[in-house]
Amino acid sequence: MKQTKNDVKIMDWKSGKRSNLTAGWDESVSGDVFWSGDSKIIYFTAAFKGTKQLFSLDPKAAKVQQITKGDFDVNEIFTDNKTSLLVGRTDVNHATELFSVNVKNGEMKQVTEANKEAYAKLAQGKSELKMVKTTDGKEMGVWFHYPPNFDPNKKYPTLVYCQGGPQSALTQFFSTRWNFALMAANGYIVVAPNRRGMPGWGTKWNEEISKDWGGQPMRDYLAATDYAKTLPYVDGERVAAVGASYGGYSVFMLAGIHENRFKTFIAHDGLFDMKSWYLTTEELWFANWDLGSPWEKPLPKAYTEFNPSNFVEKWNKPIMIFQGGIDFRVPYEQGQEAFQAAQLRGLKSKLVYFPNENHWVLHPQNGLVWQREFFDWLKETL
């Protein structure tokens, strides 16, 4: 879980003076920061409008400039030679490849093609970023990932993807777990909303999720779902909500407030009962910042109207839950409690437990099991 704005700061070793070089920039810096060989320019990556791009920063003028543009993610910066940078680049259809970037004009040239033969055998779908009106009148970027050989005259079952974080970027990432291309290749349209809390859409948008986990972000998801159902190629009777971590929390929350928008749910390492989570998670700084404690007066909304366990009486659709046994961020009890609640409600439900996984799925064999269970559940319930 990542909170607030990340900046680039420098410190003068002699004087100890510190300067925030991106204080006036209305976005959040991502993890990769690279100082040019001549120390004149700092390069970094950052989420921007549903992608992850490369930026330059003049440390003397504190001026940020965007270098790359396109429907892809620039994830790593490896080296420079004064006129270009060697970077790693992905999109939803392609795993990381090396590209050379001209730092003056942003032109990119592919250096490696490690998976060229594999891609040649695959039909790949397309992605489209649509702007959707939210319930409070704002514009929200929503990725639509379409199946290969997409036919707009057909109707497709649809997955609404709920991102974790809650302030992690939703971009053109390539994942071995939440792989949008694989989902689309199985015949699903994937709707991925950049709801409140996502970086890349201004710091205000990014910060509006704090202490409002179950409020406007949930209304953003419902707005994206309602919009998707107006499209002629979306089968409005066959829509699922899926997600992990805060995305799993979102799935649990939506299951109790969706008013029959969804036919089935899949949650992975989601937060189900906020009080028990607060008293078991290892990462309390974020819990205190975003939620507050369960003994504060007045009681924070996280434990009342934003607590998924308070809405179980309205759960009415099938739900599958993945849970890691050594997840100390969202401990096993959260998945167990949600599964037991679904069972006691008499709902079709399943708990897939990985005793040797933490907050992610890092073992390749477990990853294969995860994908099999994910798609089997959708075939069965959607």
Protein backbone atom coordinates (compact mmCIF):
# COMPACT_ATOMS: atom_id res chain seq x y z
CA MET A 1 0.00 0.00 0.00
CA LYS A 2 1.39 3.35 -1.01
CA GLN A 3 0.16 6.68 0.22
CA THR A 4 0.43 10.38 -0.71
CA LYS A 5 2.88 12.01 -3.10
CA ASN A 6 6.40 10.79 -3.91
CA ASP A 7 8.93 13.51 -4.70
CA VAL A 8 12.54 13.79 -5.84
CA LYS A 9 14.64 15.47 -3.18
CA ILE A 10 18.35 16.25 -3.06
CA MET A 11 20.64 17.08 -0.18
CA ASP A 12 23.85 19.07 -0.15
CA TRP A 13 26.30 16.85 1.74
CA LYS A 14 28.32 19.77 3.02
CA SER A 15 25.55 22.04 4.26
CA GLY A 16 22.90 19.40 4.85
CA LYS A 17 20.35 21.55 3.01
CA ARG A 18 17.54 19.58 1.43
CA SER A 19 15.52 20.64 -1.60
CA ASN A 20 12.29 19.18 -2.96
CA LEU A 21 12.66 19.40 -6.73
CA THR A 22 9.15 18.21 -7.61
CA ALA A 23 7.15 20.05 -4.96
CA GLY A 24 5.42 22.11 -7.63
CA TRP A 25 4.70 19.16 -9.93
CA ASP A 26 1.16 17.84 -9.67
CA GLU A 27 2.03 14.14 -10.00
CA SER A 28 3.82 11.47 -7.97
CA VAL A 29 7.25 10.08 -8.84
CA SER A 30 7.51 6.30 -9.20
CA GLY A 31 10.34 4.13 -7.95
CA ASP A 32 12.94 4.45 -10.73
CA VAL A 33 15.13 7.56 -10.38
CA PHE A 34 18.33 7.88 -12.42
CA TRP A 35 20.96 10.64 -12.38
CA SER A 36 22.66 11.21 -15.74
CA GLY A 37 26.35 10.46 -16.01
CA ASP A 38 27.22 14.15 -16.18
CA SER A 39 24.94 14.91 -13.17
CA LYS A 40 23.07 17.58 -15.12
CA ILE A 41 19.70 15.83 -15.46
CA ILE A 42 17.65 13.50 -13.28
CA TYR A 43 15.42 10.99 -15.06
CA PHE A 44 12.50 9.21 -13.45
CA THR A 45 9.33 7.30 -14.26
CA ALA A 46 5.85 8.24 -13.10
CA ALA A 47 2.25 7.22 -13.64
CA PHE A 48 0.54 9.54 -16.10
CA LYS A 49 -3.00 9.29 -17.52
CA GLY A 50 -3.27 5.51 -17.21
CA THR A 51 0.29 4.77 -18.32
CA LYS A 52 3.79 5.05 -16.87
CA GLN A 53 6.09 7.46 -18.68
CA LEU A 54 9.67 8.71 -18.61
CA PHE A 55 10.36 12.24 -17.38
CA SER A 56 13.42 14.48 -17.05
CA LEU A 57 14.14 16.90 -14.23
CA ASP A 58 16.54 19.83 -14.34
CA PRO A 59 17.78 20.00 -10.71
CA LYS A 60 18.83 23.65 -11.03
CA ALA A 61 15.53 24.91 -12.41
CA ALA A 62 13.37 22.25 -10.73
CA LYS A 63 11.63 21.81 -14.11
CA VAL A 64 9.95 18.53 -15.09
CA GLN A 65 9.51 17.55 -18.74
CA GLN A 66 7.78 14.49 -20.17
CA ILE A 67 9.97 12.50 -22.58
CA THR A 68 7.87 9.54 -23.73
CA LYS A 69 4.22 9.30 -24.75
CA GLY A 70 2.09 6.31 -25.70
CA ASP A 71 -0.02 3.40 -24.50
CA PHE A 72 2.82 1.63 -22.68
CA ASP A 73 4.73 1.67 -19.40
CA VAL A 74 8.37 2.66 -18.95
CA ASN A 75 9.34 0.73 -15.82
CA GLU A 76 13.12 0.68 -15.44
CA ILE A 77 16.03 2.94 -16.34
CA PHE A 78 19.30 1.06 -16.80
CA THR A 79 21.97 3.33 -18.29
CA ASP A 80 22.57 6.44 -20.40
CA ASN A 81 25.03 7.64 -23.05
CA LYS A 82 24.29 11.40 -22.99
CA THR A 83 21.75 11.28 -25.87
CA SER A 84 19.71 8.20 -24.98
CA LEU A 85 18.60 5.98 -22.14
CA LEU A 86 18.20 2.21 -22.00
CA VAL A 87 14.85 1.42 -20.41
CA GLY A 88 12.46 -1.45 -19.82
CA ARG A 89 9.04 -1.13 -21.44
CA THR A 90 5.81 -3.13 -21.21
CA ASP A 91 2.21 -3.00 -22.30
CA VAL A 92 -0.68 -5.33 -21.51
CA ASN A 93 0.22 -7.55 -24.47
CA HIS A 94 4.00 -7.59 -24.03
CA ALA A 95 6.33 -8.48 -21.17
CA THR A 96 9.38 -6.30 -20.49
CA GLU A 97 11.67 -5.59 -23.42
CA LEU A 98 14.63 -3.21 -23.64
CA PHE A 99 14.22 0.03 -25.57
CA SER A 100 16.58 2.88 -26.37
CA VAL A 101 15.00 6.30 -25.77
CA ASN A 102 16.21 9.52 -27.38
CA VAL A 103 16.07 11.94 -24.44
CA LYS A 104 15.55 14.94 -26.74
CA ASN A 105 12.48 13.82 -28.68
CA GLY A 106 11.29 10.67 -26.88
CA GLU A 107 11.77 8.42 -29.92
CA MET A 108 11.99 4.77 -28.84
CA LYS A 109 13.83 1.96 -30.61
CA GLN A 110 13.37 -1.64 -29.54
CA VAL A 111 16.62 -3.34 -28.56
CA THR A 112 15.46 -6.83 -27.54
CA GLU A 113 12.72 -9.15 -28.81
CA ALA A 114 12.95 -12.00 -26.34
CA ASN A 115 9.42 -13.26 -26.99
CA LYS A 116 9.09 -12.54 -30.71
CA GLU A 117 8.39 -16.15 -31.70
CA ALA A 118 5.81 -16.60 -28.94
CA TYR A 119 3.95 -13.40 -29.82
CA ALA A 120 3.86 -14.41 -33.50
CA LYS A 121 1.66 -17.37 -32.52
CA LEU A 122 -0.80 -15.29 -30.51
CA ALA A 123 -3.77 -13.19 -31.52
CA GLN A 124 -3.67 -10.04 -29.41
CA GLY A 125 -6.48 -7.72 -28.39
CA LYS A 126 -6.53 -3.95 -28.28
CA SER A 127 -6.87 -1.49 -25.40
CA GLU A 128 -8.78 1.78 -25.27
CA LEU A 129 -8.82 4.50 -22.62
CA LYS A 130 -12.29 6.01 -22.25
CA MET A 131 -13.25 8.97 -20.09
CA VAL A 132 -16.29 8.20 -17.94
CA LYS A 133 -18.39 10.67 -15.93
CA THR A 134 -18.40 9.96 -12.18
CA THR A 135 -21.29 10.46 -9.78
CA ASP A 136 -19.78 13.77 -8.62
CA GLY A 137 -19.44 15.09 -12.15
CA LYS A 138 -15.73 14.45 -12.74
CA GLU A 139 -14.00 12.65 -15.60
CA MET A 140 -12.42 9.25 -14.83
CA GLY A 141 -10.06 7.37 -17.12
CA VAL A 142 -11.16 3.76 -17.64
CA TRP A 143 -9.18 1.18 -19.58
CA PHE A 144 -11.16 -1.17 -21.80
CA HIS A 145 -9.21 -4.26 -22.86
CA TYR A 146 -10.87 -6.15 -25.70
CA PRO A 147 -10.61 -9.81 -26.77
CA PRO A 148 -8.58 -10.66 -29.88
CA ASN A 149 -10.64 -10.39 -33.08
CA PHE A 150 -13.11 -8.24 -31.16
CA ASP A 151 -16.51 -7.93 -32.87
CA PRO A 152 -18.54 -4.90 -31.69
CA ASN A 153 -21.71 -6.62 -32.94
CA LYS A 154 -21.34 -9.39 -30.35
CA LYS A 155 -21.94 -9.25 -26.61
CA TYR A 156 -19.10 -10.23 -24.26
CA PRO A 157 -19.02 -11.14 -20.57
CA THR A 158 -17.15 -8.41 -18.72
CA LEU A 159 -14.76 -8.20 -15.78
CA VAL A 160 -14.56 -5.02 -13.71
CA TYR A 161 -11.02 -4.99 -12.34
CA CYS A 162 -10.46 -3.36 -8.94
CA GLN A 163 -6.87 -2.19 -8.41
CA GLY A 164 -5.03 -2.54 -5.10
CA GLY A 165 -2.84 -0.03 -3.33
CA PRO A 166 -5.10 1.76 -2.64
CA GLN A 167 -2.83 4.34 -4.31
CA SER A 168 -1.05 2.10 -6.80
CA ALA A 169 -1.11 3.11 -10.46
CA LEU A 170 -3.39 1.31 -12.91
CA THR A 171 -1.47 1.43 -16.16
CA GLN A 172 -0.33 -0.72 -19.09
CA PHE A 173 1.44 -3.18 -16.82
CA PHE A 174 2.11 -6.80 -17.80
CA SER A 175 1.43 -9.16 -14.91
CA THR A 176 1.75 -12.93 -14.50
CA ARG A 177 -1.30 -12.85 -12.21
CA TRP A 178 -3.63 -9.99 -13.17
CA ASN A 179 -2.92 -10.37 -16.88
CA PHE A 180 -5.48 -8.38 -18.83
CA ALA A 181 -4.37 -9.87 -22.16
CA LEU A 182 -4.96 -13.38 -20.86
CA MET A 183 -8.38 -12.42 -19.51
CA ALA A 184 -9.31 -10.85 -22.84
CA ALA A 185 -7.98 -13.88 -24.74
CA ASN A 186 -10.43 -16.01 -22.75
CA GLY A 187 -13.30 -14.01 -24.20
CA TYR A 188 -13.81 -11.29 -21.59
CA ILE A 189 -13.84 -7.53 -21.92
CA VAL A 190 -11.81 -6.10 -19.03
CA VAL A 191 -12.96 -2.77 -17.61
CA ALA A 192 -10.25 -1.21 -15.42
CA PRO A 193 -11.29 2.11 -13.79
CA ASN A 194 -8.73 4.64 -12.59
CA ARG A 195 -10.96 5.40 -9.60
CA ARG A 196 -10.23 7.91 -6.85
CA GLY A 197 -6.81 7.27 -5.29
CA MET A 198 -4.89 6.45 -8.48
CA PRO A 199 -1.70 8.37 -9.24
CA GLY A 200 -1.30 9.87 -12.69
CA TRP A 201 -4.40 12.06 -12.59
CA GLY A 202 -3.20 14.84 -10.29
CA THR A 203 -2.40 14.82 -6.59
CA LYS A 204 -5.91 15.83 -5.54
CA TRP A 205 -7.41 12.79 -7.29
CA ASN A 206 -4.70 10.63 -5.77
CA GLU A 207 -5.34 11.84 -2.23
CA GLU A 208 -9.14 11.81 -2.28
CA ILE A 209 -9.28 8.16 -1.24
CA SER A 210 -7.72 8.76 2.19
CA LYS A 211 -10.27 8.02 4.93
CA ASP A 212 -12.87 7.43 2.22
CA TRP A 213 -12.11 3.85 1.18
CA GLY A 214 -15.73 2.77 0.89
CA GLY A 215 -17.14 6.09 -0.31
CA GLN A 216 -16.43 7.81 -3.62
CA PRO A 217 -14.03 5.09 -4.86
CA MET A 218 -16.91 2.58 -4.71
CA ARG A 219 -19.19 5.03 -6.50
CA ASP A 220 -16.47 5.37 -9.15
CA TYR A 221 -16.50 1.61 -9.69
CA LEU A 222 -20.27 1.57 -9.94
CA ALA A 223 -20.21 4.50 -12.38
CA ALA A 224 -17.73 2.66 -14.62
CA THR A 225 -19.87 -0.49 -14.41
CA ASP A 226 -23.04 1.39 -15.29
CA TYR A 227 -21.31 3.07 -18.22
CA ALA A 228 -19.96 -0.25 -19.51
CA LYS A 229 -23.45 -1.74 -19.44
CA THR A 230 -24.66 0.95 -21.84
CA LEU A 231 -22.24 -0.30 -24.51
CA PRO A 232 -23.86 -2.64 -27.07
CA TYR A 233 -21.01 -5.17 -26.92
CA VAL A 234 -21.08 -5.60 -23.12
CA ASP A 235 -23.37 -8.34 -21.84
CA GLY A 236 -24.92 -6.47 -18.93
CA GLU A 237 -26.23 -9.69 -17.39
CA ARG A 238 -22.74 -11.23 -17.19
CA VAL A 239 -20.48 -8.82 -15.29
CA ALA A 240 -18.02 -9.81 -12.54
CA ALA A 241 -15.96 -7.77 -10.06
CA VAL A 242 -12.42 -8.98 -9.40
CA GLY A 243 -9.41 -7.63 -7.49
CA ALA A 244 -6.70 -8.05 -4.85
CA SER A 245 -5.61 -6.27 -1.65
CA TYR A 246 -7.56 -2.98 -1.62
CA GLY A 247 -9.07 -4.39 -4.80
CA GLY A 248 -10.17 -7.40 -2.73
CA TYR A 249 -11.61 -5.01 -0.16
CA SER A 250 -13.46 -3.34 -3.04
CA VAL A 251 -14.87 -6.70 -4.17
CA PHE A 252 -16.09 -7.47 -0.62
CA MET A 253 -17.56 -3.98 -0.35
CA LEU A 254 -19.23 -4.08 -3.78
CA ALA A 255 -20.72 -7.49 -2.98
CA GLY A 256 -22.85 -5.76 -0.33
CA ILE A 257 -23.84 -2.61 -2.22
CA HIS A 258 -23.95 -3.56 -5.92
CA GLU A 259 -27.74 -3.86 -6.26
CA ASN A 260 -27.42 -6.79 -8.69
CA ARG A 261 -24.96 -5.14 -11.04
CA PHE A 262 -22.62 -8.14 -10.75
CA LYS A 263 -23.20 -11.85 -11.29
CA THR A 264 -20.09 -13.15 -9.48
CA PHE A 265 -17.06 -11.97 -7.48
CA ILE A 266 -13.38 -12.90 -7.06
CA ALA A 267 -11.28 -11.41 -4.23
CA HIS A 268 -7.60 -12.04 -3.45
CA ASP A 269 -6.07 -11.11 -0.08
CA GLY A 270 -8.84 -8.60 0.49
CA LEU A 271 -9.66 -6.71 3.68
CA PHE A 272 -13.02 -7.99 4.97
CA ASP A 273 -13.42 -6.79 8.55
CA MET A 274 -11.60 -3.55 9.22
CA LYS A 275 -11.39 -3.89 13.00
CA SER A 276 -9.84 -7.37 12.94
CA TRP A 277 -7.56 -6.28 10.08
CA TYR A 278 -6.37 -3.22 12.03
CA LEU A 279 -5.52 -5.44 15.01
CA THR A 280 -3.55 -8.01 12.97
CA THR A 281 -1.79 -6.22 10.08
CA GLU A 282 1.94 -5.54 10.31
CA GLU A 283 1.71 -2.18 8.51
CA LEU A 284 -0.02 0.11 10.97
CA TRP A 285 1.34 3.41 9.69
CA PHE A 286 -0.86 3.13 6.61
CA ALA A 287 -3.84 1.92 8.64
CA ASN A 288 -3.58 4.91 10.97
CA TRP A 289 -3.11 7.34 8.10
CA ASP A 290 -5.92 6.06 5.92
CA LEU A 291 -8.44 4.76 8.44
CA GLY A 292 -7.81 5.67 12.06
CA SER A 293 -8.07 3.33 15.05
CA PRO A 294 -11.27 1.50 16.10
CA TRP A 295 -11.26 3.21 19.52
CA GLU A 296 -11.24 6.78 18.25
CA LYS A 297 -14.18 9.03 19.09
CA PRO A 298 -16.14 9.50 16.98
CA LEU A 299 -15.64 6.06 15.44
CA PRO A 300 -14.10 6.40 11.95
CA LYS A 301 -16.28 5.48 8.99
CA ALA A 302 -13.84 2.66 8.17
CA TYR A 303 -15.45 0.61 10.92
CA THR A 304 -19.06 1.52 10.16
CA GLU A 305 -20.29 2.44 6.70
CA PHE A 306 -17.00 1.53 4.96
CA ASN A 307 -16.58 -1.91 6.59
CA PRO A 308 -17.42 -4.77 4.16
CA SER A 309 -18.35 -7.18 6.97
CA ASN A 310 -21.23 -4.85 7.92
CA PHE A 311 -22.94 -5.52 4.58
CA VAL A 312 -22.78 -9.33 4.42
CA GLU A 313 -26.56 -9.52 4.88
CA LYS A 314 -26.83 -8.06 1.36
CA TRP A 315 -24.40 -10.51 -0.25
CA ASN A 316 -26.40 -12.45 -2.84
CA LYS A 317 -24.01 -13.68 -5.52
CA PRO A 318 -21.27 -16.37 -5.77
CA ILE A 319 -17.83 -15.40 -4.49
CA MET A 320 -14.38 -17.01 -4.68
CA ILE A 321 -11.60 -15.95 -2.32
CA PHE A 322 -7.85 -16.42 -2.75
CA GLN A 323 -5.71 -16.08 0.38
CA GLY A 324 -1.99 -16.36 1.14
CA GLY A 325 -1.04 -18.15 4.35
CA ILE A 326 1.96 -15.95 5.12
CA ASP A 327 0.41 -12.63 4.17
CA PHE A 328 1.15 -10.37 7.13
CA ARG A 329 -0.24 -7.26 5.41
CA VAL A 330 -3.71 -8.76 4.99
CA PRO A 331 -3.56 -11.80 7.28
CA TYR A 332 -5.22 -15.10 6.56
CA GLU A 333 -8.09 -14.39 8.93
CA GLN A 334 -9.53 -11.86 6.46
CA GLY A 335 -10.06 -14.45 3.73
CA GLN A 336 -11.25 -17.04 6.22
CA GLU A 337 -13.80 -14.64 7.72
CA ALA A 338 -15.14 -13.64 4.30
CA PHE A 339 -15.45 -17.27 3.19
CA GLN A 340 -17.20 -18.30 6.36
CA ALA A 341 -19.59 -15.36 6.04
CA ALA A 342 -20.47 -16.43 2.48
CA GLN A 343 -20.95 -20.02 3.62
CA LEU A 344 -23.20 -18.97 6.49
CA ARG A 345 -25.20 -16.88 4.03
CA GLY A 346 -25.71 -20.03 1.95
CA LEU A 347 -23.92 -18.59 -1.07
CA LYS A 348 -21.94 -20.55 -3.60
CA SER A 349 -18.41 -19.82 -2.44
CA LYS A 350 -14.87 -21.16 -2.56
CA LEU A 351 -11.66 -20.49 -0.63
CA VAL A 352 -8.37 -21.13 -2.46
CA TYR A 353 -5.62 -21.13 0.15
CA PHE A 354 -1.89 -20.89 -0.65
CA PRO A 355 -0.05 -21.72 2.61
CA ASN A 356 3.35 -20.60 1.25
CA GLU A 357 2.32 -17.33 -0.42
CA ASN A 358 2.44 -13.83 1.04
CA HIS A 359 0.53 -10.82 -0.31
CA TRP A 360 1.34 -11.96 -3.86
CA VAL A 361 1.66 -15.26 -5.75
CA LEU A 362 5.39 -15.73 -6.25
CA HIS A 363 5.73 -19.49 -6.86
CA PRO A 364 5.26 -20.44 -10.54
CA GLN A 365 3.25 -23.59 -9.82
CA ASN A 366 0.93 -21.64 -7.53
CA GLY A 367 0.56 -19.09 -10.30
CA LEU A 368 -0.70 -21.79 -12.65
CA VAL A 369 -3.16 -22.99 -10.03
CA TRP A 370 -4.32 -19.41 -9.51
CA GLN A 371 -5.04 -18.91 -13.21
CA ARG A 372 -6.84 -22.25 -13.52
CA GLU A 373 -9.04 -21.54 -10.51
CA PHE A 374 -9.73 -17.98 -11.68
CA PHE A 375 -11.00 -18.95 -15.11
CA ASP A 376 -12.78 -22.10 -13.93
CA TRP A 377 -14.77 -19.99 -11.47
CA LEU A 378 -15.74 -17.51 -14.17
CA LYS A 379 -16.81 -20.29 -16.53
CA GLU A 380 -18.92 -21.80 -13.79
CA THR A 381 -20.56 -18.66 -12.37
CA LEU A 382 -20.47 -16.01 -15.11
